[in-house]
């Protein structure tokens, strides 16, 4: 058995009733679904990162390497977007 940790979740009663019709081991069923979802999300993120890297590499092949100024501007926009700034940029060039 792999290392595990117990957690507690509350589900609506009607959902639990439906789960009990699907399986005799609701906790294991839920654990399996959550584990599968985490794997799927992780895999999707890796794919997105790989595709982004490929696109950035293609762009640089066509247009040359990004300058330090372009990279700094991109980092600033990313940081603003991650901080909740709806515009992601302080400029009006959108």
C-alpha atoms as a PDB file:
ATOM      1  CA  UNK A   1       0.000   0.000   0.000  1.00  0.00           C
ATOM      2  CA  UNK A   2       1.285   3.448  -0.841  1.00  0.00           C
ATOM      3  CA  UNK A   3       1.776   6.111   1.767  1.00  0.00           C
ATOM      4  CA  UNK A   4      -1.553   7.809   2.423  1.00  0.00           C
ATOM      5  CA  UNK A   5      -3.176  10.427   4.595  1.00  0.00           C
ATOM      6  CA  UNK A   6      -6.756  10.541   5.808  1.00  0.00           C
ATOM      7  CA  UNK A   7      -8.842  13.593   4.947  1.00  0.00           C
ATOM      8  CA  UNK A   8     -12.466  14.360   5.526  1.00  0.00           C
ATOM      9  CA  UNK A   9     -14.884  15.779   2.973  1.00  0.00           C
ATOM     10  CA  UNK A  10     -18.568  16.494   3.054  1.00  0.00           C
ATOM     11  CA  UNK A  11     -20.709  15.685   0.048  1.00  0.00           C
ATOM     12  CA  UNK A  12     -24.384  16.323  -0.536  1.00  0.00           C
ATOM     13  CA  UNK A  13     -26.496  13.406   0.666  1.00  0.00           C
ATOM     14  CA  UNK A  14     -27.942  12.784  -2.808  1.00  0.00           C
ATOM     15  CA  UNK A  15     -24.422  12.488  -4.260  1.00  0.00           C
ATOM     16  CA  UNK A  16     -23.430   9.980  -1.579  1.00  0.00           C
ATOM     17  CA  UNK A  17     -26.588   7.979  -2.272  1.00  0.00           C
ATOM     18  CA  UNK A  18     -25.695   7.827  -5.965  1.00  0.00           C
ATOM     19  CA  UNK A  19     -22.113   6.838  -5.121  1.00  0.00           C
ATOM     20  CA  UNK A  20     -23.396   4.021  -2.907  1.00  0.00           C
ATOM     21  CA  UNK A  21     -25.353   2.698  -5.885  1.00  0.00           C
ATOM     22  CA  UNK A  22     -22.150   2.665  -7.956  1.00  0.00           C
ATOM     23  CA  UNK A  23     -19.806   1.051  -5.449  1.00  0.00           C
ATOM     24  CA  UNK A  24     -19.669  -0.690  -2.103  1.00  0.00           C
ATOM     25  CA  UNK A  25     -16.425   1.167  -1.256  1.00  0.00           C
ATOM     26  CA  UNK A  26     -17.254   4.870  -1.545  1.00  0.00           C
ATOM     27  CA  UNK A  27     -14.022   6.118   0.090  1.00  0.00           C
ATOM     28  CA  UNK A  28     -11.846   4.115  -2.325  1.00  0.00           C
ATOM     29  CA  UNK A  29     -13.991   5.137  -5.282  1.00  0.00           C
ATOM     30  CA  UNK A  30     -13.632   8.820  -4.360  1.00  0.00           C
ATOM     31  CA  UNK A  31      -9.885   8.400  -3.714  1.00  0.00           C
ATOM     32  CA  UNK A  32      -9.411   6.769  -7.125  1.00  0.00           C
ATOM     33  CA  UNK A  33     -11.349   9.525  -8.911  1.00  0.00           C
ATOM     34  CA  UNK A  34      -9.412  12.277  -7.136  1.00  0.00           C
ATOM     35  CA  UNK A  35      -6.076  10.585  -7.892  1.00  0.00           C
ATOM     36  CA  UNK A  36      -7.053  10.209 -11.547  1.00  0.00           C
ATOM     37  CA  UNK A  37      -8.082  13.880 -11.751  1.00  0.00           C
ATOM     38  CA  UNK A  38      -4.784  15.005 -10.199  1.00  0.00           C
ATOM     39  CA  UNK A  39      -2.847  12.887 -12.715  1.00  0.00           C
ATOM     40  CA  UNK A  40      -4.923  14.280 -15.587  1.00  0.00           C
ATOM     41  CA  UNK A  41      -4.431  17.878 -14.470  1.00  0.00           C
ATOM     42  CA  UNK A  42      -0.690  17.325 -14.016  1.00  0.00           C
ATOM     43  CA  UNK A  43      -0.402  15.697 -17.446  1.00  0.00           C
ATOM     44  CA  UNK A  44      -2.372  18.534 -19.059  1.00  0.00           C
ATOM     45  CA  UNK A  45      -0.116  21.141 -17.478  1.00  0.00           C
ATOM     46  CA  UNK A  46       2.970  19.331 -18.732  1.00  0.00           C
ATOM     47  CA  UNK A  47       1.509  19.176 -22.241  1.00  0.00           C
ATOM     48  CA  UNK A  48       0.634  22.894 -22.173  1.00  0.00           C
ATOM     49  CA  UNK A  49       4.154  23.752 -21.010  1.00  0.00           C
ATOM     50  CA  UNK A  50       5.698  21.612 -23.759  1.00  0.00           C
ATOM     51  CA  UNK A  51       3.472  23.159 -26.432  1.00  0.00           C
ATOM     52  CA  UNK A  52       4.265  26.656 -25.195  1.00  0.00           C
ATOM     53  CA  UNK A  53       8.000  25.895 -25.240  1.00  0.00           C
ATOM     54  CA  UNK A  54       7.705  24.570 -28.804  1.00  0.00           C
ATOM     55  CA  UNK A  55       5.815  27.684 -29.901  1.00  0.00           C
ATOM     56  CA  UNK A  56       8.337  30.002 -28.255  1.00  0.00           C
ATOM     57  CA  UNK A  57      11.198  28.098 -29.900  1.00  0.00           C
ATOM     58  CA  UNK A  58       9.459  28.371 -33.291  1.00  0.00           C
ATOM     59  CA  UNK A  59       8.916  32.096 -32.805  1.00  0.00           C
ATOM     60  CA  UNK A  60      12.573  32.626 -31.909  1.00  0.00           C
ATOM     61  CA  UNK A  61      13.689  30.640 -34.949  1.00  0.00           C
ATOM     62  CA  UNK A  62      11.616  32.925 -37.176  1.00  0.00           C
ATOM     63  CA  UNK A  63      12.196  36.257 -35.442  1.00  0.00           C
ATOM     64  CA  UNK A  64      15.377  35.879 -33.415  1.00  0.00           C
ATOM     65  CA  UNK A  65      15.923  35.482 -29.703  1.00  0.00           C
ATOM     66  CA  UNK A  66      13.845  37.495 -27.278  1.00  0.00           C
ATOM     67  CA  UNK A  67      15.674  40.525 -25.938  1.00  0.00           C
ATOM     68  CA  UNK A  68      16.175  41.083 -22.223  1.00  0.00           C
ATOM     69  CA  UNK A  69      13.721  43.971 -22.463  1.00  0.00           C
ATOM     70  CA  UNK A  70      11.057  41.743 -24.054  1.00  0.00           C
ATOM     71  CA  UNK A  71      11.607  39.072 -21.407  1.00  0.00           C
ATOM     72  CA  UNK A  72      11.407  41.647 -18.598  1.00  0.00           C
ATOM     73  CA  UNK A  73       8.181  43.073 -20.040  1.00  0.00           C
ATOM     74  CA  UNK A  74       6.695  39.584 -20.344  1.00  0.00           C
ATOM     75  CA  UNK A  75       7.649  38.731 -16.748  1.00  0.00           C
ATOM     76  CA  UNK A  76       6.062  41.969 -15.539  1.00  0.00           C
ATOM     77  CA  UNK A  77       2.818  41.192 -17.395  1.00  0.00           C
ATOM     78  CA  UNK A  78       2.764  37.648 -16.028  1.00  0.00           C
ATOM     79  CA  UNK A  79       3.357  38.867 -12.476  1.00  0.00           C
ATOM     80  CA  UNK A  80       0.580  41.452 -12.788  1.00  0.00           C
ATOM     81  CA  UNK A  81      -1.803  38.863 -14.207  1.00  0.00           C
ATOM     82  CA  UNK A  82      -0.989  36.423 -11.392  1.00  0.00           C
ATOM     83  CA  UNK A  83      -1.496  39.151  -8.801  1.00  0.00           C
ATOM     84  CA  UNK A  84      -5.069  39.631  -9.971  1.00  0.00           C
ATOM     85  CA  UNK A  85      -4.589  42.667 -12.224  1.00  0.00           C
ATOM     86  CA  UNK A  86      -7.343  42.193 -14.820  1.00  0.00           C
ATOM     87  CA  UNK A  87      -5.309  44.000 -17.491  1.00  0.00           C
ATOM     88  CA  UNK A  88      -2.034  42.133 -16.917  1.00  0.00           C
ATOM     89  CA  UNK A  89      -0.176  45.223 -18.098  1.00  0.00           C
ATOM     90  CA  UNK A  90       0.303  48.773 -17.038  1.00  0.00           C
ATOM     91  CA  UNK A  91       0.350  49.930 -20.663  1.00  0.00           C
ATOM     92  CA  UNK A  92      -2.537  50.877 -22.912  1.00  0.00           C
ATOM     93  CA  UNK A  93      -1.146  48.979 -25.932  1.00  0.00           C
ATOM     94  CA  UNK A  94      -3.190  45.886 -24.952  1.00  0.00           C
END
